Amino acid sequence: METDEVLVERTLSGEIDCYGVLARRHADYLFGLGMRFTGGNRELAEDISQQSFLRAYKYLKSFNTKKKFRQWLTGIAVNCYKDLSHKENRYLSLEATDEPSYTPDFGGNTGFYELIRPLTEEERTIFTLRYVYEYRIDEIAETVGLKSGTVKSRMSRALEKLR
């Protein structure tokens, strides 16, 4: 099995089907990440996943093969999540209207989503990367574009909210 970095290089050299292998390899990961970031919003998680792969392909030339592709892709997913959630918040929520609302059915698997509900968007992202995907503080800092000390303090604040 070829490494992600080899597949990136092959894609950049014109073998576009290699990007499909990368997408299939990381699709479940990105979708799961999106589900956790959004608190279980399936449609938004799918959008995050799709947008992440599109942006990754667009900016593939900027990928540093000395780093891990998954971490680079995670950074893109974090940015897509921020962009898409801000767009979604610009529209009037269904609760503010007389329209019926939809609550997704997670088949009894709502514990995690209920746990992270009180967290802000940024805290949810940091918490998920740390405790679900076991990223180190310095990896989270690089991924979300913050200093390590800032990540630590926001992680502490998030944990305090969850107590």
C-alpha atoms as a PDB file:
ATOM      1  CA  MET A   1       0.000   0.000   0.000  1.00  0.00           C
ATOM      2  CA  GLU A   2       1.404   3.347  -1.018  1.00  0.00           C
ATOM      3  CA  THR A   3       1.785   6.115   1.535  1.00  0.00           C
ATOM      4  CA  ASP A   4      -0.310   9.250   1.355  1.00  0.00           C
ATOM      5  CA  GLU A   5       2.754  11.252   0.456  1.00  0.00           C
ATOM      6  CA  VAL A   6       3.529   9.003  -2.539  1.00  0.00           C
ATOM      7  CA  LEU A   7      -0.088   9.296  -3.688  1.00  0.00           C
ATOM      8  CA  VAL A   8       0.125  13.085  -3.422  1.00  0.00           C
ATOM      9  CA  GLU A   9       3.278  13.125  -5.540  1.00  0.00           C
ATOM     10  CA  ARG A  10       1.710  10.814  -8.120  1.00  0.00           C
ATOM     11  CA  THR A  11      -1.401  13.016  -8.233  1.00  0.00           C
ATOM     12  CA  LEU A  12       0.741  16.103  -8.765  1.00  0.00           C
ATOM     13  CA  SER A  13       2.604  14.352 -11.574  1.00  0.00           C
ATOM     14  CA  GLY A  14      -0.666  13.827 -13.447  1.00  0.00           C
ATOM     15  CA  GLU A  15      -2.073  10.545 -12.110  1.00  0.00           C
ATOM     16  CA  ILE A  16      -5.343  12.074 -10.974  1.00  0.00           C
ATOM     17  CA  ASP A  17      -6.882   8.713 -10.041  1.00  0.00           C
ATOM     18  CA  CYS A  18      -4.401   8.583  -7.136  1.00  0.00           C
ATOM     19  CA  TYR A  19      -6.332  11.420  -5.505  1.00  0.00           C
ATOM     20  CA  GLY A  20      -9.385   9.178  -5.513  1.00  0.00           C
ATOM     21  CA  VAL A  21      -7.414   6.646  -3.473  1.00  0.00           C
ATOM     22  CA  LEU A  22      -6.545   9.395  -0.971  1.00  0.00           C
ATOM     23  CA  ALA A  23     -10.175  10.503  -0.802  1.00  0.00           C
ATOM     24  CA  ARG A  24     -11.432   6.965  -0.168  1.00  0.00           C
ATOM     25  CA  ARG A  25      -8.724   6.401   2.430  1.00  0.00           C
ATOM     26  CA  HIS A  26      -9.682   9.489   4.449  1.00  0.00           C
ATOM     27  CA  ALA A  27     -13.425   9.826   3.737  1.00  0.00           C
ATOM     28  CA  ASP A  28     -14.644   8.105   6.899  1.00  0.00           C
ATOM     29  CA  TYR A  29     -12.150  10.029   9.014  1.00  0.00           C
ATOM     30  CA  LEU A  30     -13.263  13.410   7.655  1.00  0.00           C
ATOM     31  CA  PHE A  31     -16.934  12.561   7.939  1.00  0.00           C
ATOM     32  CA  GLY A  32     -16.476  11.423  11.560  1.00  0.00           C
ATOM     33  CA  LEU A  33     -14.525  14.575  12.310  1.00  0.00           C
ATOM     34  CA  GLY A  34     -17.301  16.673  10.786  1.00  0.00           C
ATOM     35  CA  MET A  35     -19.974  14.820  12.781  1.00  0.00           C
ATOM     36  CA  ARG A  36     -18.127  15.508  16.001  1.00  0.00           C
ATOM     37  CA  PHE A  37     -17.410  19.152  15.155  1.00  0.00           C
ATOM     38  CA  THR A  38     -21.049  19.812  14.284  1.00  0.00           C
ATOM     39  CA  GLY A  39     -22.558  17.889  17.161  1.00  0.00           C
ATOM     40  CA  GLY A  40     -24.074  15.309  14.840  1.00  0.00           C
ATOM     41  CA  ASN A  41     -25.357  17.465  11.972  1.00  0.00           C
ATOM     42  CA  ARG A  42     -25.042  14.898   9.171  1.00  0.00           C
ATOM     43  CA  GLU A  43     -25.658  17.293   6.267  1.00  0.00           C
ATOM     44  CA  LEU A  44     -23.128  19.817   7.507  1.00  0.00           C
ATOM     45  CA  ALA A  45     -20.608  17.019   8.197  1.00  0.00           C
ATOM     46  CA  GLU A  46     -21.021  15.791   4.608  1.00  0.00           C
ATOM     47  CA  ASP A  47     -20.522  19.335   3.312  1.00  0.00           C
ATOM     48  CA  ILE A  48     -17.388  19.745   5.434  1.00  0.00           C
ATOM     49  CA  SER A  49     -15.994  16.481   4.114  1.00  0.00           C
ATOM     50  CA  GLN A  50     -16.712  17.351   0.479  1.00  0.00           C
ATOM     51  CA  GLN A  51     -15.387  20.895   0.771  1.00  0.00           C
ATOM     52  CA  SER A  52     -12.259  19.623   2.502  1.00  0.00           C
ATOM     53  CA  PHE A  53     -11.440  17.241  -0.330  1.00  0.00           C
ATOM     54  CA  LEU A  54     -12.109  19.924  -2.941  1.00  0.00           C
ATOM     55  CA  ARG A  55      -9.857  22.443  -1.185  1.00  0.00           C
ATOM     56  CA  ALA A  56      -7.179  19.841  -0.557  1.00  0.00           C
ATOM     57  CA  TYR A  57      -7.107  19.030  -4.256  1.00  0.00           C
ATOM     58  CA  LYS A  58      -7.013  22.702  -5.191  1.00  0.00           C
ATOM     59  CA  TYR A  59      -4.090  23.388  -2.841  1.00  0.00           C
ATOM     60  CA  LEU A  60      -2.317  20.040  -3.173  1.00  0.00           C
ATOM     61  CA  LYS A  61       0.800  21.728  -4.558  1.00  0.00           C
ATOM     62  CA  SER A  62       1.243  23.503  -1.219  1.00  0.00           C
ATOM     63  CA  PHE A  63       1.324  20.225   0.754  1.00  0.00           C
ATOM     64  CA  ASN A  64       4.656  19.671   2.504  1.00  0.00           C
ATOM     65  CA  THR A  65       5.459  15.966   2.058  1.00  0.00           C
ATOM     66  CA  LYS A  66       7.573  16.068   5.222  1.00  0.00           C
ATOM     67  CA  LYS A  67       4.338  16.371   7.206  1.00  0.00           C
ATOM     68  CA  LYS A  68       1.458  13.953   7.551  1.00  0.00           C
ATOM     69  CA  PHE A  69      -1.274  14.278   4.934  1.00  0.00           C
ATOM     70  CA  ARG A  70      -4.020  13.496   7.463  1.00  0.00           C
ATOM     71  CA  GLN A  71      -2.958  16.366   9.722  1.00  0.00           C
ATOM     72  CA  TRP A  72      -2.844  18.744   6.751  1.00  0.00           C
ATOM     73  CA  LEU A  73      -6.297  17.533   5.679  1.00  0.00           C
ATOM     74  CA  THR A  74      -7.564  18.007   9.245  1.00  0.00           C
ATOM     75  CA  GLY A  75      -6.462  21.646   9.147  1.00  0.00           C
ATOM     76  CA  ILE A  76      -8.404  22.125   5.943  1.00  0.00           C
ATOM     77  CA  ALA A  77     -11.454  20.442   7.512  1.00  0.00           C
ATOM     78  CA  VAL A  78     -11.251  22.774  10.523  1.00  0.00           C
ATOM     79  CA  ASN A  79     -11.268  25.779   8.198  1.00  0.00           C
ATOM     80  CA  CYS A  80     -14.154  24.353   6.155  1.00  0.00           C
ATOM     81  CA  TYR A  81     -16.092  23.770   9.367  1.00  0.00           C
ATOM     82  CA  LYS A  82     -15.563  27.382  10.421  1.00  0.00           C
ATOM     83  CA  ASP A  83     -16.562  28.707   6.997  1.00  0.00           C
ATOM     84  CA  LEU A  84     -19.632  26.518   6.601  1.00  0.00           C
ATOM     85  CA  SER A  85     -20.885  26.971  10.157  1.00  0.00           C
ATOM     86  CA  HIS A  86     -20.628  30.753   9.808  1.00  0.00           C
ATOM     87  CA  LYS A  87     -22.615  30.600   6.562  1.00  0.00           C
ATOM     88  CA  GLU A  88     -25.233  28.424   8.223  1.00  0.00           C
ATOM     89  CA  ASN A  89     -25.541  30.833  11.173  1.00  0.00           C
ATOM     90  CA  ARG A  90     -26.360  33.720   8.826  1.00  0.00           C
ATOM     91  CA  TYR A  91     -29.745  32.225   8.055  1.00  0.00           C
ATOM     92  CA  LEU A  92     -32.754  32.419  10.320  1.00  0.00           C
ATOM     93  CA  SER A  93     -32.989  29.340  12.494  1.00  0.00           C
ATOM     94  CA  LEU A  94     -36.067  27.137  12.306  1.00  0.00           C
ATOM     95  CA  GLU A  95     -36.725  27.691  16.004  1.00  0.00           C
ATOM     96  CA  ALA A  96     -37.364  31.368  15.251  1.00  0.00           C
ATOM     97  CA  THR A  97     -40.125  30.516  12.784  1.00  0.00           C
ATOM     98  CA  ASP A  98     -43.359  28.581  12.919  1.00  0.00           C
ATOM     99  CA  GLU A  99     -41.929  25.896  10.639  1.00  0.00           C
ATOM    100  CA  PRO A 100     -41.545  22.351  11.985  1.00  0.00           C
ATOM    101  CA  SER A 101     -37.982  21.452  12.913  1.00  0.00           C
ATOM    102  CA  TYR A 102     -36.010  18.267  12.378  1.00  0.00           C
ATOM    103  CA  THR A 103     -33.918  16.578  15.022  1.00  0.00           C
ATOM    104  CA  PRO A 104     -31.627  13.885  13.623  1.00  0.00           C
ATOM    105  CA  ASP A 105     -31.870  10.346  14.982  1.00  0.00           C
ATOM    106  CA  PHE A 106     -28.465   9.007  15.958  1.00  0.00           C
ATOM    107  CA  GLY A 107     -29.746   5.560  16.862  1.00  0.00           C
ATOM    108  CA  GLY A 108     -29.094   5.994  20.577  1.00  0.00           C
ATOM    109  CA  ASN A 109     -25.540   7.249  19.983  1.00  0.00           C
ATOM    110  CA  THR A 110     -26.061  10.801  21.245  1.00  0.00           C
ATOM    111  CA  GLY A 111     -23.863  10.750  24.344  1.00  0.00           C
ATOM    112  CA  PHE A 112     -20.871  12.444  22.782  1.00  0.00           C
ATOM    113  CA  TYR A 113     -22.972  15.078  21.032  1.00  0.00           C
ATOM    114  CA  GLU A 114     -24.806  15.864  24.257  1.00  0.00           C
ATOM    115  CA  LEU A 115     -21.474  16.078  26.084  1.00  0.00           C
ATOM    116  CA  ILE A 116     -19.980  18.680  23.740  1.00  0.00           C
ATOM    117  CA  ARG A 117     -23.157  20.728  23.271  1.00  0.00           C
ATOM    118  CA  PRO A 118     -22.153  23.452  25.814  1.00  0.00           C
ATOM    119  CA  LEU A 119     -18.800  24.049  24.103  1.00  0.00           C
ATOM    120  CA  THR A 120     -18.133  26.829  21.627  1.00  0.00           C
ATOM    121  CA  GLU A 121     -17.199  25.979  18.050  1.00  0.00           C
ATOM    122  CA  GLU A 122     -13.493  26.424  18.785  1.00  0.00           C
ATOM    123  CA  GLU A 123     -13.603  24.484  22.062  1.00  0.00           C
ATOM    124  CA  ARG A 124     -15.463  21.649  20.348  1.00  0.00           C
ATOM    125  CA  THR A 125     -12.800  21.492  17.645  1.00  0.00           C
ATOM    126  CA  ILE A 126      -9.907  21.457  20.122  1.00  0.00           C
ATOM    127  CA  PHE A 127     -11.639  18.973  22.436  1.00  0.00           C
ATOM    128  CA  THR A 128     -12.418  16.594  19.565  1.00  0.00           C
ATOM    129  CA  LEU A 129      -8.893  16.698  18.157  1.00  0.00           C
ATOM    130  CA  ARG A 130      -7.384  16.086  21.597  1.00  0.00           C
ATOM    131  CA  TYR A 131      -9.650  13.502  23.160  1.00  0.00           C
ATOM    132  CA  VAL A 132     -11.157  11.683  20.187  1.00  0.00           C
ATOM    133  CA  TYR A 133      -8.286  11.751  17.697  1.00  0.00           C
ATOM    134  CA  GLU A 134      -5.499  11.998  20.304  1.00  0.00           C
ATOM    135  CA  TYR A 135      -3.639  14.870  18.685  1.00  0.00           C
ATOM    136  CA  ARG A 136      -0.827  16.380  20.738  1.00  0.00           C
ATOM    137  CA  ILE A 137      -1.192  19.997  21.880  1.00  0.00           C
ATOM    138  CA  ASP A 138       1.455  21.203  19.399  1.00  0.00           C
ATOM    139  CA  GLU A 139      -0.311  19.364  16.542  1.00  0.00           C
ATOM    140  CA  ILE A 140      -3.637  20.957  17.489  1.00  0.00           C
ATOM    141  CA  ALA A 141      -1.990  24.375  17.677  1.00  0.00           C
ATOM    142  CA  GLU A 142      -0.536  23.959  14.200  1.00  0.00           C
ATOM    143  CA  THR A 143      -3.796  22.602  12.808  1.00  0.00           C
ATOM    144  CA  VAL A 144      -6.057  25.364  14.137  1.00  0.00           C
ATOM    145  CA  GLY A 145      -3.515  28.176  13.857  1.00  0.00           C
ATOM    146  CA  LEU A 146      -3.076  28.994  17.542  1.00  0.00           C
ATOM    147  CA  LYS A 147      -0.163  28.978  19.960  1.00  0.00           C
ATOM    148  CA  SER A 148       0.274  25.901  22.158  1.00  0.00           C
ATOM    149  CA  GLY A 149      -0.372  27.925  25.327  1.00  0.00           C
ATOM    150  CA  THR A 150      -3.627  29.229  23.883  1.00  0.00           C
ATOM    151  CA  VAL A 151      -4.724  25.692  23.005  1.00  0.00           C
ATOM    152  CA  LYS A 152      -3.946  24.552  26.561  1.00  0.00           C
ATOM    153  CA  SER A 153      -5.937  27.374  28.135  1.00  0.00           C
ATOM    154  CA  ARG A 154      -8.915  26.853  25.832  1.00  0.00           C
ATOM    155  CA  MET A 155      -8.774  23.119  26.498  1.00  0.00           C
ATOM    156  CA  SER A 156      -8.815  23.845  30.216  1.00  0.00           C
ATOM    157  CA  ARG A 157     -11.785  26.175  29.801  1.00  0.00           C
ATOM    158  CA  ALA A 158     -13.636  23.541  27.768  1.00  0.00           C
ATOM    159  CA  LEU A 159     -13.004  20.858  30.391  1.00  0.00           C
ATOM    160  CA  GLU A 160     -14.243  23.222  33.099  1.00  0.00           C
ATOM    161  CA  LYS A 161     -17.494  23.732  31.173  1.00  0.00           C
ATOM    162  CA  LEU A 162     -17.980  19.984  30.923  1.00  0.00           C
ATOM    163  CA  ARG A 163     -17.658  19.393  34.677  1.00  0.00           C
END
